[in-house]
Amino acid sequence: METTNIVDFARRDGITDALTDLLRTGAQQLIATAVEAELAGYLAQFSDLRTEAGHAAVVRNGHHPTRP
């Protein structure tokens, strides 16, 4: 007979308390804000680059109709 001290924990997906939900939502918003800020800086850095046709060479993907 072998005795262990292993404890089975519930899956992390099953946590539904309000504090955890608040922290998760806040973290997601913080990451989204950081990504948007980094993207804005990247676009500003290359805003003066143009294609041969005169269009901006670096743009966000999916926000404008396809160019003719």
PDB file of N, CA and C in Angstrom:
ATOM      1  N   MET A   1       0.847  -1.169   0.000  1.00  0.00           N
ATOM      2  CA  MET A   1       0.000   0.000   0.000  1.00  0.00           C
ATOM      3  C   MET A   1       0.899   1.240   0.000  1.00  0.00           C
ATOM      4  N   GLU A   2       0.615   2.144  -0.948  1.00  0.00           N
ATOM      5  CA  GLU A   2       1.415   3.355  -1.099  1.00  0.00           C
ATOM      6  C   GLU A   2       0.548   4.574  -0.816  1.00  0.00           C
ATOM      7  N   THR A   3       1.045   5.472  -0.006  1.00  0.00           N
ATOM      8  CA  THR A   3       0.315   6.685   0.331  1.00  0.00           C
ATOM      9  C   THR A   3       0.974   7.862  -0.388  1.00  0.00           C
ATOM     10  N   THR A   4       0.167   8.677  -1.045  1.00  0.00           N
ATOM     11  CA  THR A   4       0.691   9.853  -1.736  1.00  0.00           C
ATOM     12  C   THR A   4      -0.001  11.102  -1.215  1.00  0.00           C
ATOM     13  N   ASN A   5       0.589  12.209  -1.496  1.00  0.00           N
ATOM     14  CA  ASN A   5      -0.026  13.482  -1.099  1.00  0.00           C
ATOM     15  C   ASN A   5      -0.481  14.278  -2.320  1.00  0.00           C
ATOM     16  N   ILE A   6      -0.761  13.592  -3.417  1.00  0.00           N
ATOM     17  CA  ILE A   6      -1.220  14.235  -4.642  1.00  0.00           C
ATOM     18  C   ILE A   6      -2.680  14.626  -4.485  1.00  0.00           C
ATOM     19  N   VAL A   7      -2.975  15.864  -4.807  1.00  0.00           N
ATOM     20  CA  VAL A   7      -4.337  16.373  -4.696  1.00  0.00           C
ATOM     21  C   VAL A   7      -4.828  16.714  -6.094  1.00  0.00           C
ATOM     22  N   ASP A   8      -6.016  16.265  -6.451  1.00  0.00           N
ATOM     23  CA  ASP A   8      -6.604  16.604  -7.742  1.00  0.00           C
ATOM     24  C   ASP A   8      -7.244  17.985  -7.649  1.00  0.00           C
ATOM     25  N   PHE A   9      -6.825  18.869  -8.549  1.00  0.00           N
ATOM     26  CA  PHE A   9      -7.407  20.201  -8.602  1.00  0.00           C
ATOM     27  C   PHE A   9      -8.440  20.263  -9.711  1.00  0.00           C
ATOM     28  N   ALA A  10      -9.417  21.125  -9.529  1.00  0.00           N
ATOM     29  CA  ALA A  10     -10.421  21.331 -10.575  1.00  0.00           C
ATOM     30  C   ALA A  10      -9.745  22.002 -11.761  1.00  0.00           C
ATOM     31  N   ARG A  11     -10.321  21.833 -12.917  1.00  0.00           N
ATOM     32  CA  ARG A  11      -9.765  22.479 -14.114  1.00  0.00           C
ATOM     33  C   ARG A  11      -9.822  23.986 -13.951  1.00  0.00           C
ATOM     34  N   ARG A  12      -8.830  24.668 -14.505  1.00  0.00           N
ATOM     35  CA  ARG A  12      -8.792  26.126 -14.419  1.00  0.00           C
ATOM     36  C   ARG A  12      -9.933  26.755 -15.214  1.00  0.00           C
ATOM     37  N   ASP A  13     -10.432  26.065 -16.227  1.00  0.00           N
ATOM     38  CA  ASP A  13     -11.526  26.600 -17.035  1.00  0.00           C
ATOM     39  C   ASP A  13     -12.804  26.745 -16.221  1.00  0.00           C
ATOM     40  N   GLY A  14     -12.917  25.986 -15.160  1.00  0.00           N
ATOM     41  CA  GLY A  14     -14.138  25.954 -14.393  1.00  0.00           C
ATOM     42  C   GLY A  14     -14.273  27.070 -13.374  1.00  0.00           C
ATOM     43  N   ILE A  15     -13.283  27.930 -13.251  1.00  0.00           N
ATOM     44  CA  ILE A  15     -13.340  29.012 -12.268  1.00  0.00           C
ATOM     45  C   ILE A  15     -14.294  30.089 -12.778  1.00  0.00           C
ATOM     46  N   THR A  16     -15.283  30.405 -11.969  1.00  0.00           N
ATOM     47  CA  THR A  16     -16.283  31.372 -12.425  1.00  0.00           C
ATOM     48  C   THR A  16     -16.570  32.457 -11.386  1.00  0.00           C
ATOM     49  N   ASP A  17     -15.667  32.654 -10.428  1.00  0.00           N
ATOM     50  CA  ASP A  17     -15.960  33.683  -9.438  1.00  0.00           C
ATOM     51  C   ASP A  17     -15.775  35.077 -10.044  1.00  0.00           C
ATOM     52  N   ALA A  18     -16.400  36.047  -9.453  1.00  0.00           N
ATOM     53  CA  ALA A  18     -16.436  37.406 -10.007  1.00  0.00           C
ATOM     54  C   ALA A  18     -15.056  38.050 -10.055  1.00  0.00           C
ATOM     55  N   LEU A  19     -14.237  37.836  -9.044  1.00  0.00           N
ATOM     56  CA  LEU A  19     -12.912  38.450  -9.018  1.00  0.00           C
ATOM     57  C   LEU A  19     -12.040  37.918 -10.155  1.00  0.00           C
ATOM     58  N   THR A  20     -12.075  36.616 -10.386  1.00  0.00           N
ATOM     59  CA  THR A  20     -11.290  36.031 -11.473  1.00  0.00           C
ATOM     60  C   THR A  20     -11.763  36.554 -12.818  1.00  0.00           C
ATOM     61  N   ASP A  21     -13.061  36.653 -13.001  1.00  0.00           N
ATOM     62  CA  ASP A  21     -13.599  37.198 -14.254  1.00  0.00           C
ATOM     63  C   ASP A  21     -13.170  38.649 -14.448  1.00  0.00           C
ATOM     64  N   LEU A  22     -13.200  39.434 -13.382  1.00  0.00           N
ATOM     65  CA  LEU A  22     -12.785  40.832 -13.453  1.00  0.00           C
ATOM     66  C   LEU A  22     -11.304  40.944 -13.816  1.00  0.00           C
ATOM     67  N   LEU A  23     -10.472  40.137 -13.180  1.00  0.00           N
ATOM     68  CA  LEU A  23      -9.038  40.156 -13.473  1.00  0.00           C
ATOM     69  C   LEU A  23      -8.751  39.706 -14.898  1.00  0.00           C
ATOM     70  N   ARG A  24      -9.437  38.668 -15.352  1.00  0.00           N
ATOM     71  CA  ARG A  24      -9.230  38.168 -16.712  1.00  0.00           C
ATOM     72  C   ARG A  24      -9.637  39.225 -17.739  1.00  0.00           C
ATOM     73  N   THR A  25     -10.781  39.856 -17.528  1.00  0.00           N
ATOM     74  CA  THR A  25     -11.254  40.892 -18.447  1.00  0.00           C
ATOM     75  C   THR A  25     -10.295  42.079 -18.460  1.00  0.00           C
ATOM     76  N   GLY A  26      -9.831  42.484 -17.290  1.00  0.00           N
ATOM     77  CA  GLY A  26      -8.883  43.592 -17.210  1.00  0.00           C
ATOM     78  C   GLY A  26      -7.576  43.276 -17.918  1.00  0.00           C
ATOM     79  N   ALA A  27      -7.086  42.053 -17.756  1.00  0.00           N
ATOM     80  CA  ALA A  27      -5.844  41.650 -18.419  1.00  0.00           C
ATOM     81  C   ALA A  27      -6.014  41.636 -19.929  1.00  0.00           C
ATOM     82  N   GLN A  28      -7.152  41.150 -20.399  1.00  0.00           N
ATOM     83  CA  GLN A  28      -7.407  41.128 -21.845  1.00  0.00           C
ATOM     84  C   GLN A  28      -7.462  42.545 -22.409  1.00  0.00           C
ATOM     85  N   GLN A  29      -8.104  43.450 -21.690  1.00  0.00           N
ATOM     86  CA  GLN A  29      -8.182  44.841 -22.146  1.00  0.00           C
ATOM     87  C   GLN A  29      -6.809  45.503 -22.140  1.00  0.00           C
ATOM     88  N   LEU A  30      -6.005  45.204 -21.127  1.00  0.00           N
ATOM     89  CA  LEU A  30      -4.662  45.766 -21.041  1.00  0.00           C
ATOM     90  C   LEU A  30      -3.798  45.295 -22.208  1.00  0.00           C
ATOM     91  N   ILE A  31      -3.875  44.016 -22.536  1.00  0.00           N
ATOM     92  CA  ILE A  31      -3.110  43.475 -23.662  1.00  0.00           C
ATOM     93  C   ILE A  31      -3.587  44.091 -24.969  1.00  0.00           C
ATOM     94  N   ALA A  32      -4.897  44.198 -25.151  1.00  0.00           N
ATOM     95  CA  ALA A  32      -5.433  44.790 -26.382  1.00  0.00           C
ATOM     96  C   ALA A  32      -4.984  46.242 -26.529  1.00  0.00           C
ATOM     97  N   THR A  33      -4.981  46.987 -25.436  1.00  0.00           N
ATOM     98  CA  THR A  33      -4.537  48.381 -25.473  1.00  0.00           C
ATOM     99  C   THR A  33      -3.055  48.470 -25.822  1.00  0.00           C
ATOM    100  N   ALA A  34      -2.250  47.583 -25.254  1.00  0.00           N
ATOM    101  CA  ALA A  34      -0.810  47.579 -25.539  1.00  0.00           C
ATOM    102  C   ALA A  34      -0.538  47.239 -26.999  1.00  0.00           C
ATOM    103  N   VAL A  35      -1.267  46.273 -27.541  1.00  0.00           N
ATOM    104  CA  VAL A  35      -1.085  45.894 -28.946  1.00  0.00           C
ATOM    105  C   VAL A  35      -1.491  47.044 -29.860  1.00  0.00           C
ATOM    106  N   GLU A  36      -2.605  47.694 -29.563  1.00  0.00           N
ATOM    107  CA  GLU A  36      -3.045  48.835 -30.372  1.00  0.00           C
ATOM    108  C   GLU A  36      -2.021  49.968 -30.332  1.00  0.00           C
ATOM    109  N   ALA A  37      -1.449  50.229 -29.154  1.00  0.00           N
ATOM    110  CA  ALA A  37      -0.443  51.290 -29.030  1.00  0.00           C
ATOM    111  C   ALA A  37       0.815  50.941 -29.813  1.00  0.00           C
ATOM    112  N   GLU A  38       1.232  49.681 -29.745  1.00  0.00           N
ATOM    113  CA  GLU A  38       2.416  49.260 -30.496  1.00  0.00           C
ATOM    114  C   GLU A  38       2.171  49.365 -31.993  1.00  0.00           C
ATOM    115  N   LEU A  39       0.989  48.978 -32.442  1.00  0.00           N
ATOM    116  CA  LEU A  39       0.645  49.071 -33.855  1.00  0.00           C
ATOM    117  C   LEU A  39       0.603  50.527 -34.308  1.00  0.00           C
ATOM    118  N   ALA A  40       0.032  51.395 -33.505  1.00  0.00           N
ATOM    119  CA  ALA A  40      -0.027  52.816 -33.863  1.00  0.00           C
ATOM    120  C   ALA A  40       1.377  53.393 -34.005  1.00  0.00           C
ATOM    121  N   GLY A  41       2.278  53.016 -33.117  1.00  0.00           N
ATOM    122  CA  GLY A  41       3.657  53.476 -33.215  1.00  0.00           C
ATOM    123  C   GLY A  41       4.347  52.954 -34.461  1.00  0.00           C
ATOM    124  N   TYR A  42       4.096  51.699 -34.791  1.00  0.00           N
ATOM    125  CA  TYR A  42       4.684  51.093 -35.989  1.00  0.00           C
ATOM    126  C   TYR A  42       4.179  51.796 -37.245  1.00  0.00           C
ATOM    127  N   LEU A  43       2.872  52.032 -37.310  1.00  0.00           N
ATOM    128  CA  LEU A  43       2.303  52.714 -38.473  1.00  0.00           C
ATOM    129  C   LEU A  43       2.827  54.144 -38.581  1.00  0.00           C
ATOM    130  N   ALA A  44       2.989  54.817 -37.456  1.00  0.00           N
ATOM    131  CA  ALA A  44       3.518  56.185 -37.476  1.00  0.00           C
ATOM    132  C   ALA A  44       4.971  56.204 -37.947  1.00  0.00           C
ATOM    133  N   GLN A  45       5.724  55.190 -37.559  1.00  0.00           N
ATOM    134  CA  GLN A  45       7.133  55.111 -37.937  1.00  0.00           C
ATOM    135  C   GLN A  45       7.299  55.009 -39.453  1.00  0.00           C
ATOM    136  N   PHE A  46       6.375  54.312 -40.110  1.00  0.00           N
ATOM    137  CA  PHE A  46       6.486  54.093 -41.546  1.00  0.00           C
ATOM    138  C   PHE A  46       5.441  54.864 -42.348  1.00  0.00           C
ATOM    139  N   SER A  47       4.858  55.895 -41.758  1.00  0.00           N
ATOM    140  CA  SER A  47       3.790  56.632 -42.431  1.00  0.00           C
ATOM    141  C   SER A  47       4.268  57.379 -43.670  1.00  0.00           C
ATOM    142  N   ASP A  48       5.553  57.666 -43.758  1.00  0.00           N
ATOM    143  CA  ASP A  48       6.060  58.409 -44.916  1.00  0.00           C
ATOM    144  C   ASP A  48       6.434  57.511 -46.092  1.00  0.00           C
ATOM    145  N   LEU A  49       6.428  56.198 -45.914  1.00  0.00           N
ATOM    146  CA  LEU A  49       6.753  55.287 -47.015  1.00  0.00           C
ATOM    147  C   LEU A  49       5.582  55.183 -47.983  1.00  0.00           C
ATOM    148  N   ARG A  50       5.861  55.276 -49.265  1.00  0.00           N
ATOM    149  CA  ARG A  50       4.826  55.223 -50.295  1.00  0.00           C
ATOM    150  C   ARG A  50       5.192  54.201 -51.358  1.00  0.00           C
ATOM    151  N   THR A  51       4.171  53.623 -51.994  1.00  0.00           N
ATOM    152  CA  THR A  51       4.389  52.732 -53.123  1.00  0.00           C
ATOM    153  C   THR A  51       4.645  53.572 -54.363  1.00  0.00           C
ATOM    154  N   GLU A  52       4.955  52.913 -55.467  1.00  0.00           N
ATOM    155  CA  GLU A  52       5.171  53.640 -56.720  1.00  0.00           C
ATOM    156  C   GLU A  52       3.916  54.376 -57.163  1.00  0.00           C
ATOM    157  N   ALA A  53       2.752  53.851 -56.776  1.00  0.00           N
ATOM    158  CA  ALA A  53       1.488  54.489 -57.137  1.00  0.00           C
ATOM    159  C   ALA A  53       1.132  55.637 -56.193  1.00  0.00           C
ATOM    160  N   GLY A  54       1.934  55.853 -55.158  1.00  0.00           N
ATOM    161  CA  GLY A  54       1.677  56.950 -54.236  1.00  0.00           C
ATOM    162  C   GLY A  54       0.853  56.570 -53.018  1.00  0.00           C
ATOM    163  N   HIS A  55       0.486  55.303 -52.893  1.00  0.00           N
ATOM    164  CA  HIS A  55      -0.288  54.845 -51.737  1.00  0.00           C
ATOM    165  C   HIS A  55       0.642  54.579 -50.559  1.00  0.00           C
ATOM    166  N   ALA A  56       0.083  54.611 -49.372  1.00  0.00           N
ATOM    167  CA  ALA A  56       0.869  54.280 -48.184  1.00  0.00           C
ATOM    168  C   ALA A  56       1.341  52.833 -48.291  1.00  0.00           C
ATOM    169  N   ALA A  57       2.629  52.598 -48.017  1.00  0.00           N
ATOM    170  CA  ALA A  57       3.197  51.260 -48.154  1.00  0.00           C
ATOM    171  C   ALA A  57       2.850  50.369 -46.962  1.00  0.00           C
ATOM    172  N   VAL A  58       2.673  50.956 -45.784  1.00  0.00           N
ATOM    173  CA  VAL A  58       2.357  50.193 -44.582  1.00  0.00           C
ATOM    174  C   VAL A  58       1.007  50.667 -44.068  1.00  0.00           C
ATOM    175  N   VAL A  59       0.030  49.762 -44.055  1.00  0.00           N
ATOM    176  CA  VAL A  59      -1.325  50.095 -43.610  1.00  0.00           C
ATOM    177  C   VAL A  59      -1.865  48.972 -42.740  1.00  0.00           C
ATOM    178  N   ARG A  60      -2.920  49.261 -42.007  1.00  0.00           N
ATOM    179  CA  ARG A  60      -3.613  48.211 -41.257  1.00  0.00           C
ATOM    180  C   ARG A  60      -4.311  47.292 -42.233  1.00  0.00           C
ATOM    181  N   ASN A  61      -4.415  46.055 -41.895  1.00  0.00           N
ATOM    182  CA  ASN A  61      -5.045  45.073 -42.757  1.00  0.00           C
ATOM    183  C   ASN A  61      -6.537  44.975 -42.448  1.00  0.00           C
ATOM    184  N   GLY A  62      -7.357  45.043 -43.498  1.00  0.00           N
ATOM    185  CA  GLY A  62      -8.771  44.775 -43.346  1.00  0.00           C
ATOM    186  C   GLY A  62      -9.639  45.946 -42.951  1.00  0.00           C
ATOM    187  N   HIS A  63      -9.122  47.139 -42.917  1.00  0.00           N
ATOM    188  CA  HIS A  63      -9.930  48.276 -42.495  1.00  0.00           C
ATOM    189  C   HIS A  63     -10.432  49.133 -43.649  1.00  0.00           C
ATOM    190  N   HIS A  64      -9.908  48.926 -44.814  1.00  0.00           N
ATOM    191  CA  HIS A  64     -10.304  49.725 -45.966  1.00  0.00           C
ATOM    192  C   HIS A  64     -10.587  48.800 -47.147  1.00  0.00           C
ATOM    193  N   PRO A  65     -11.376  49.257 -48.113  1.00  0.00           N
ATOM    194  CA  PRO A  65     -11.629  48.441 -49.295  1.00  0.00           C
ATOM    195  C   PRO A  65     -10.339  48.208 -50.083  1.00  0.00           C
ATOM    196  N   THR A  66     -10.324  47.156 -50.858  1.00  0.00           N
ATOM    197  CA  THR A  66      -9.180  46.844 -51.698  1.00  0.00           C
ATOM    198  C   THR A  66      -8.963  47.944 -52.712  1.00  0.00           C
ATOM    199  N   ARG A  67      -7.707  48.287 -52.923  1.00  0.00           N
ATOM    200  CA  ARG A  67      -7.377  49.323 -53.907  1.00  0.00           C
ATOM    201  C   ARG A  67      -7.565  48.785 -55.315  1.00  0.00           C
ATOM    202  N   PRO A  68      -7.999  49.656 -56.262  1.00  0.00           N
ATOM    203  CA  PRO A  68      -8.173  49.197 -57.656  1.00  0.00           C
ATOM    204  C   PRO A  68      -6.845  48.971 -58.335  1.00  0.00           C
TER     205      PRO A  68
END
